[in-house]
Amino acid sequence: MDTPDLIGRCHCGATGWILTGDPGSITACNCTLCRRYGALWAYDFEGERITLDGDTGRYTRIGKDDPALEIRFCRSCACVIAWRGLRLPEDGRRRIAVNVRLADPEAVADLPIDHFDGLDSFDDLPSDDRCVRDLWF
C-alpha cells in the first residue's frame, strides 16, 4: 500500500508544501530559531519528495558570513513553511525540511518525534517515545 502524500498549508492558504511518501520520524529542535517558531520538521531533498508552492519569503540570519539555511515563510500570513539548506554537499542534493505543524493533525499525529540539540551540542538526543500528538499542546 502506498503512503499518502502529506500536505501542509499556511494559515491563509496561500502557500504550502507536499511531502510524497513516508515522512519518517519528525524532528523537534531546540535551536534559537526552531524553539521560537515551534516548528516540527520532516526532511528530504529539494526537487525529490518535497515540493513547496505559493509565493514564499526568505529569511537568512543577518550577520552570519556563511549561513547554513534559510527559513521560508508565507508572505501573507507569515507562517513558517520550511527551511532550505544553503550549503550544498558534494553530491549536490540540497536538504530541505517542512513544518509538519501545517499538516492536518490527524495525518501526522502518530509520527514519532526525534529530539535534536541544535542549541548546544548538535547531537541527537535519546528517544522518549513521544509522537507528534504529544507535542501539539
N, C-alpha and C. Protein backbone atom coordinates (compact mmCIF):
# COMPACT_ATOMS: atom_id res chain seq x y z
N MET A 1 0.84 -1.19 0.00
CA MET A 1 0.00 0.00 0.00
C MET A 1 0.88 1.24 0.00
N ASP A 2 0.57 2.19 -0.87
CA ASP A 2 1.33 3.43 -0.94
C ASP A 2 0.99 4.33 0.24
N THR A 3 2.00 5.06 0.70
CA THR A 3 1.78 6.05 1.74
C THR A 3 1.20 7.30 1.10
N PRO A 4 0.08 7.82 1.61
CA PRO A 4 -0.49 9.03 1.01
C PRO A 4 0.42 10.23 1.23
N ASP A 5 0.32 11.17 0.31
CA ASP A 5 1.09 12.41 0.46
C ASP A 5 0.65 13.15 1.70
N LEU A 6 1.60 13.79 2.36
CA LEU A 6 1.27 14.73 3.43
C LEU A 6 1.20 16.11 2.80
N ILE A 7 0.24 16.89 3.25
CA ILE A 7 0.05 18.24 2.71
C ILE A 7 -0.01 19.20 3.88
N GLY A 8 0.73 20.29 3.78
CA GLY A 8 0.68 21.35 4.77
C GLY A 8 0.36 22.67 4.11
N ARG A 9 -0.50 23.45 4.74
CA ARG A 9 -0.87 24.77 4.22
C ARG A 9 -0.70 25.80 5.32
N CYS A 10 -0.31 27.00 4.93
CA CYS A 10 -0.20 28.10 5.89
C CYS A 10 -1.60 28.50 6.36
N HIS A 11 -1.68 29.44 7.28
CA HIS A 11 -2.95 29.86 7.87
C HIS A 11 -3.90 30.44 6.83
N CYS A 12 -3.40 31.24 5.91
CA CYS A 12 -4.26 31.87 4.91
C CYS A 12 -4.46 31.00 3.67
N GLY A 13 -3.69 29.94 3.54
CA GLY A 13 -3.83 29.02 2.42
C GLY A 13 -3.05 29.40 1.17
N ALA A 14 -2.29 30.49 1.22
CA ALA A 14 -1.58 30.96 0.03
C ALA A 14 -0.32 30.14 -0.29
N THR A 15 0.27 29.52 0.70
CA THR A 15 1.49 28.73 0.48
C THR A 15 1.37 27.40 1.20
N GLY A 16 2.24 26.51 0.83
CA GLY A 16 2.22 25.21 1.48
C GLY A 16 3.28 24.29 0.95
N TRP A 17 3.11 23.02 1.27
CA TRP A 17 4.06 22.00 0.85
C TRP A 17 3.35 20.66 0.68
N ILE A 18 4.01 19.79 -0.09
CA ILE A 18 3.58 18.40 -0.24
C ILE A 18 4.81 17.54 -0.02
N LEU A 19 4.65 16.50 0.80
CA LEU A 19 5.71 15.52 1.01
C LEU A 19 5.16 14.18 0.53
N THR A 20 5.84 13.61 -0.43
CA THR A 20 5.41 12.34 -1.02
C THR A 20 6.09 11.19 -0.29
N GLY A 21 5.30 10.19 0.09
CA GLY A 21 5.85 9.00 0.73
C GLY A 21 5.94 9.14 2.24
N ASP A 22 6.58 8.16 2.84
CA ASP A 22 6.72 8.08 4.29
C ASP A 22 7.63 9.20 4.80
N PRO A 23 7.15 10.07 5.68
CA PRO A 23 7.99 11.16 6.18
C PRO A 23 9.03 10.70 7.20
N GLY A 24 8.88 9.47 7.71
CA GLY A 24 9.80 9.01 8.75
C GLY A 24 9.53 9.73 10.05
N SER A 25 10.53 9.77 10.91
CA SER A 25 10.35 10.46 12.18
C SER A 25 10.47 11.96 11.97
N ILE A 26 9.87 12.70 12.89
CA ILE A 26 9.80 14.16 12.83
C ILE A 26 10.78 14.71 13.87
N THR A 27 11.44 15.81 13.53
CA THR A 27 12.44 16.38 14.43
C THR A 27 11.92 17.59 15.18
N ALA A 28 12.12 17.57 16.48
CA ALA A 28 11.91 18.74 17.34
C ALA A 28 13.30 19.22 17.73
N CYS A 29 13.61 20.46 17.42
CA CYS A 29 14.93 21.03 17.67
C CYS A 29 14.79 22.20 18.65
N ASN A 30 15.82 22.40 19.45
CA ASN A 30 15.79 23.48 20.43
C ASN A 30 16.70 24.65 20.06
N CYS A 31 17.09 24.76 18.79
CA CYS A 31 17.97 25.87 18.39
C CYS A 31 17.24 27.20 18.55
N THR A 32 17.96 28.28 18.35
CA THR A 32 17.38 29.61 18.57
C THR A 32 16.22 29.91 17.63
N LEU A 33 16.19 29.35 16.44
CA LEU A 33 15.07 29.56 15.53
C LEU A 33 13.92 28.60 15.79
N CYS A 34 14.22 27.31 15.83
CA CYS A 34 13.15 26.30 15.94
C CYS A 34 12.33 26.46 17.21
N ARG A 35 12.99 26.77 18.31
CA ARG A 35 12.21 26.90 19.55
C ARG A 35 11.31 28.14 19.50
N ARG A 36 11.72 29.18 18.80
CA ARG A 36 10.86 30.36 18.67
C ARG A 36 9.70 30.11 17.72
N TYR A 37 9.96 29.39 16.64
CA TYR A 37 8.91 29.10 15.67
C TYR A 37 7.98 27.98 16.13
N GLY A 38 8.45 27.13 17.01
CA GLY A 38 7.65 26.00 17.46
C GLY A 38 7.44 24.96 16.37
N ALA A 39 8.35 24.92 15.41
CA ALA A 39 8.21 24.03 14.27
C ALA A 39 8.63 22.61 14.60
N LEU A 40 8.02 21.67 13.88
CA LEU A 40 8.42 20.26 13.89
C LEU A 40 8.72 19.91 12.43
N TRP A 41 9.86 19.28 12.19
CA TRP A 41 10.37 19.16 10.83
C TRP A 41 10.35 17.75 10.27
N ALA A 42 9.95 17.63 9.00
CA ALA A 42 10.10 16.41 8.20
C ALA A 42 11.09 16.76 7.08
N TYR A 43 12.03 15.86 6.81
CA TYR A 43 13.15 16.15 5.91
C TYR A 43 13.11 15.38 4.61
N ASP A 44 13.72 15.96 3.61
CA ASP A 44 14.08 15.28 2.39
C ASP A 44 15.04 16.20 1.63
N PHE A 45 15.00 16.12 0.29
CA PHE A 45 15.90 16.92 -0.54
C PHE A 45 15.08 17.68 -1.56
N GLU A 46 15.53 18.89 -1.85
CA GLU A 46 14.85 19.75 -2.81
C GLU A 46 14.72 19.03 -4.15
N GLY A 47 13.52 19.12 -4.74
CA GLY A 47 13.28 18.52 -6.03
C GLY A 47 13.08 17.01 -5.99
N GLU A 48 13.04 16.43 -4.81
CA GLU A 48 12.82 14.99 -4.70
C GLU A 48 11.43 14.75 -4.13
N ARG A 49 11.29 14.49 -2.84
CA ARG A 49 9.97 14.16 -2.28
C ARG A 49 9.21 15.35 -1.69
N ILE A 50 9.84 16.51 -1.61
CA ILE A 50 9.19 17.70 -1.05
C ILE A 50 9.03 18.75 -2.13
N THR A 51 7.81 19.30 -2.20
CA THR A 51 7.51 20.38 -3.12
C THR A 51 6.89 21.53 -2.32
N LEU A 52 7.40 22.74 -2.52
CA LEU A 52 6.80 23.94 -1.94
C LEU A 52 5.97 24.62 -3.01
N ASP A 53 4.88 25.27 -2.59
CA ASP A 53 4.10 26.03 -3.57
C ASP A 53 3.68 27.35 -2.95
N GLY A 54 3.39 28.30 -3.83
CA GLY A 54 3.00 29.63 -3.39
C GLY A 54 4.20 30.56 -3.34
N ASP A 55 3.92 31.79 -3.06
CA ASP A 55 4.94 32.84 -3.02
C ASP A 55 5.50 32.95 -1.61
N THR A 56 6.67 32.37 -1.40
CA THR A 56 7.26 32.41 -0.06
C THR A 56 8.34 33.48 0.02
N GLY A 57 8.44 34.05 1.22
CA GLY A 57 9.54 34.94 1.52
C GLY A 57 10.67 34.12 2.11
N ARG A 58 11.83 34.75 2.25
CA ARG A 58 13.01 34.07 2.76
C ARG A 58 13.66 34.88 3.87
N TYR A 59 14.07 34.18 4.89
CA TYR A 59 14.83 34.81 5.96
C TYR A 59 16.13 34.05 6.13
N THR A 60 17.22 34.77 6.08
CA THR A 60 18.54 34.22 6.37
C THR A 60 19.12 35.04 7.50
N ARG A 61 19.69 34.37 8.45
CA ARG A 61 20.22 35.05 9.64
C ARG A 61 21.19 36.16 9.25
N ILE A 62 20.88 37.35 9.70
CA ILE A 62 21.69 38.53 9.42
C ILE A 62 22.94 38.50 10.30
N GLY A 63 24.06 38.92 9.72
CA GLY A 63 25.30 39.00 10.47
C GLY A 63 26.10 37.70 10.47
N LYS A 64 25.62 36.71 9.78
CA LYS A 64 26.34 35.45 9.70
C LYS A 64 26.98 35.38 8.32
N ASP A 65 28.31 35.24 8.25
CA ASP A 65 29.02 35.27 6.98
C ASP A 65 28.66 34.11 6.05
N ASP A 66 28.45 32.92 6.61
CA ASP A 66 28.16 31.74 5.81
C ASP A 66 26.98 30.99 6.41
N PRO A 67 25.77 31.54 6.24
CA PRO A 67 24.60 30.90 6.86
C PRO A 67 24.36 29.50 6.28
N ALA A 68 23.90 28.61 7.13
CA ALA A 68 23.67 27.23 6.73
C ALA A 68 22.30 27.02 6.09
N LEU A 69 21.32 27.87 6.46
CA LEU A 69 19.98 27.65 5.93
C LEU A 69 19.20 28.95 5.86
N GLU A 70 18.10 28.86 5.12
CA GLU A 70 17.15 29.96 5.06
C GLU A 70 15.80 29.43 5.49
N ILE A 71 15.01 30.28 6.10
CA ILE A 71 13.66 29.95 6.50
C ILE A 71 12.72 30.47 5.42
N ARG A 72 11.77 29.63 5.00
CA ARG A 72 10.77 30.03 4.01
C ARG A 72 9.45 30.25 4.74
N PHE A 73 8.77 31.34 4.45
CA PHE A 73 7.53 31.68 5.13
C PHE A 73 6.53 32.28 4.15
N CYS A 74 5.25 32.24 4.51
CA CYS A 74 4.20 32.81 3.69
C CYS A 74 4.31 34.34 3.74
N ARG A 75 4.30 34.98 2.60
CA ARG A 75 4.38 36.44 2.55
C ARG A 75 3.11 37.11 3.05
N SER A 76 2.01 36.37 3.08
CA SER A 76 0.74 36.94 3.50
C SER A 76 0.51 36.80 5.01
N CYS A 77 0.59 35.57 5.53
CA CYS A 77 0.27 35.35 6.95
C CYS A 77 1.49 35.06 7.81
N ALA A 78 2.66 34.93 7.21
CA ALA A 78 3.95 34.76 7.90
C ALA A 78 4.16 33.39 8.54
N CYS A 79 3.32 32.41 8.24
CA CYS A 79 3.57 31.05 8.77
C CYS A 79 4.88 30.52 8.22
N VAL A 80 5.66 29.88 9.08
CA VAL A 80 6.90 29.24 8.66
C VAL A 80 6.55 27.95 7.93
N ILE A 81 6.95 27.87 6.68
CA ILE A 81 6.64 26.74 5.81
C ILE A 81 7.74 25.68 5.87
N ALA A 82 9.00 26.13 5.75
CA ALA A 82 10.10 25.20 5.56
C ALA A 82 11.43 25.87 5.89
N TRP A 83 12.47 25.06 5.95
CA TRP A 83 13.81 25.59 5.85
C TRP A 83 14.51 24.89 4.70
N ARG A 84 15.49 25.58 4.14
CA ARG A 84 16.21 25.09 2.96
C ARG A 84 17.70 25.28 3.20
N GLY A 85 18.46 24.21 3.02
CA GLY A 85 19.91 24.29 3.20
C GLY A 85 20.56 25.17 2.15
N LEU A 86 21.56 25.93 2.55
CA LEU A 86 22.27 26.81 1.63
C LEU A 86 23.65 26.29 1.25
N ARG A 87 24.15 25.32 1.97
CA ARG A 87 25.46 24.72 1.67
C ARG A 87 25.23 23.37 0.99
N LEU A 88 25.68 23.27 -0.24
CA LEU A 88 25.49 22.02 -0.96
C LEU A 88 26.61 21.03 -0.64
N PRO A 89 26.24 19.79 -0.30
CA PRO A 89 27.26 18.76 -0.10
C PRO A 89 27.82 18.32 -1.46
N GLU A 90 28.81 17.46 -1.43
CA GLU A 90 29.45 17.01 -2.66
C GLU A 90 28.48 16.38 -3.65
N ASP A 91 27.45 15.69 -3.16
CA ASP A 91 26.51 15.04 -4.07
C ASP A 91 25.52 16.02 -4.70
N GLY A 92 25.52 17.28 -4.26
CA GLY A 92 24.68 18.31 -4.85
C GLY A 92 23.22 18.29 -4.43
N ARG A 93 22.87 17.39 -3.54
CA ARG A 93 21.47 17.29 -3.09
C ARG A 93 21.25 18.29 -1.95
N ARG A 94 20.31 19.22 -2.17
CA ARG A 94 20.04 20.28 -1.18
C ARG A 94 19.00 19.79 -0.18
N ARG A 95 19.35 19.87 1.10
CA ARG A 95 18.46 19.45 2.18
C ARG A 95 17.35 20.47 2.34
N ILE A 96 16.15 19.97 2.62
CA ILE A 96 15.00 20.82 2.87
C ILE A 96 14.14 20.13 3.93
N ALA A 97 13.48 20.91 4.74
CA ALA A 97 12.58 20.36 5.75
C ALA A 97 11.30 21.19 5.76
N VAL A 98 10.17 20.50 5.96
CA VAL A 98 8.88 21.19 6.01
C VAL A 98 8.33 21.13 7.43
N ASN A 99 7.58 22.14 7.79
CA ASN A 99 7.00 22.27 9.12
C ASN A 99 5.70 21.46 9.18
N VAL A 100 5.74 20.30 9.84
CA VAL A 100 4.57 19.42 9.87
C VAL A 100 3.44 19.99 10.73
N ARG A 101 3.68 21.04 11.47
CA ARG A 101 2.59 21.67 12.21
C ARG A 101 1.55 22.29 11.26
N LEU A 102 1.89 22.41 9.98
CA LEU A 102 0.95 22.94 9.00
C LEU A 102 0.09 21.86 8.37
N ALA A 103 0.34 20.61 8.70
CA ALA A 103 -0.45 19.48 8.18
C ALA A 103 -1.69 19.27 9.04
N ASP A 104 -2.62 18.50 8.50
CA ASP A 104 -3.79 18.09 9.26
C ASP A 104 -3.30 17.30 10.48
N PRO A 105 -3.68 17.67 11.69
CA PRO A 105 -3.17 16.97 12.88
C PRO A 105 -3.36 15.46 12.84
N GLU A 106 -4.47 14.98 12.31
CA GLU A 106 -4.70 13.54 12.26
C GLU A 106 -3.72 12.83 11.33
N ALA A 107 -3.25 13.52 10.30
CA ALA A 107 -2.33 12.91 9.33
C ALA A 107 -0.94 12.70 9.90
N VAL A 108 -0.56 13.48 10.91
CA VAL A 108 0.80 13.40 11.44
C VAL A 108 0.85 12.98 12.91
N ALA A 109 -0.30 12.79 13.54
CA ALA A 109 -0.39 12.55 14.99
C ALA A 109 0.48 11.40 15.48
N ASP A 110 0.58 10.33 14.71
CA ASP A 110 1.30 9.14 15.17
C ASP A 110 2.75 9.08 14.73
N LEU A 111 3.24 10.11 14.05
CA LEU A 111 4.64 10.10 13.63
C LEU A 111 5.55 10.27 14.85
N PRO A 112 6.59 9.44 14.96
CA PRO A 112 7.49 9.54 16.11
C PRO A 112 8.33 10.82 16.06
N ILE A 113 8.68 11.30 17.23
CA ILE A 113 9.50 12.51 17.37
C ILE A 113 10.94 12.13 17.72
N ASP A 114 11.88 12.73 16.99
CA ASP A 114 13.30 12.69 17.35
C ASP A 114 13.64 14.07 17.90
N HIS A 115 14.40 14.11 18.96
CA HIS A 115 14.83 15.38 19.53
C HIS A 115 16.27 15.65 19.13
N PHE A 116 16.54 16.90 18.76
CA PHE A 116 17.87 17.30 18.32
C PHE A 116 18.30 18.52 19.11
N ASP A 117 19.50 18.47 19.68
CA ASP A 117 20.04 19.60 20.43
C ASP A 117 20.78 20.53 19.47
N GLY A 118 20.02 21.40 18.82
CA GLY A 118 20.61 22.36 17.91
C GLY A 118 21.12 23.61 18.60
N LEU A 119 20.94 23.69 19.91
CA LEU A 119 21.38 24.85 20.67
C LEU A 119 22.82 24.70 21.16
N ASP A 120 23.15 23.54 21.70
CA ASP A 120 24.47 23.37 22.31
C ASP A 120 25.36 22.34 21.60
N SER A 121 24.93 21.08 21.61
CA SER A 121 25.83 20.00 21.20
C SER A 121 25.72 19.59 19.74
N PHE A 122 24.64 19.91 19.07
CA PHE A 122 24.34 19.42 17.72
C PHE A 122 24.30 17.90 17.68
N ASP A 123 23.78 17.31 18.74
CA ASP A 123 23.63 15.86 18.83
C ASP A 123 22.16 15.48 18.85
N ASP A 124 21.89 14.28 18.34
CA ASP A 124 20.57 13.69 18.53
C ASP A 124 20.44 13.32 19.99
N LEU A 125 19.26 13.53 20.55
CA LEU A 125 19.03 13.22 21.96
C LEU A 125 18.29 11.88 22.06
N PRO A 126 18.36 11.23 23.21
CA PRO A 126 17.69 9.94 23.37
C PRO A 126 16.18 10.06 23.13
N SER A 127 15.62 9.01 22.55
CA SER A 127 14.18 8.98 22.29
C SER A 127 13.42 8.92 23.61
N ASP A 128 12.28 9.59 23.65
CA ASP A 128 11.41 9.49 24.82
C ASP A 128 10.07 8.87 24.42
N ASP A 129 10.03 8.27 23.23
CA ASP A 129 8.87 7.54 22.71
C ASP A 129 7.62 8.41 22.52
N ARG A 130 7.80 9.72 22.39
CA ARG A 130 6.65 10.57 22.11
C ARG A 130 6.43 10.67 20.60
N CYS A 131 5.23 11.07 20.23
CA CYS A 131 4.90 11.30 18.82
C CYS A 131 4.34 12.72 18.69
N VAL A 132 4.05 13.12 17.46
CA VAL A 132 3.60 14.48 17.20
C VAL A 132 2.40 14.85 18.07
N ARG A 133 1.45 13.95 18.21
CA ARG A 133 0.25 14.23 19.02
C ARG A 133 0.63 14.71 20.43
N ASP A 134 1.72 14.17 20.99
CA ASP A 134 2.14 14.52 22.34
C ASP A 134 2.68 15.94 22.44
N LEU A 135 3.05 16.54 21.31
CA LEU A 135 3.63 17.88 21.32
C LEU A 135 2.67 18.95 20.81
N TRP A 136 1.44 18.60 20.47
CA TRP A 136 0.51 19.61 19.98
C TRP A 136 0.16 20.62 21.06
N PHE A 137 0.11 20.17 22.32
CA PHE A 137 -0.31 21.08 23.39
C PHE A 137 0.74 21.20 24.45
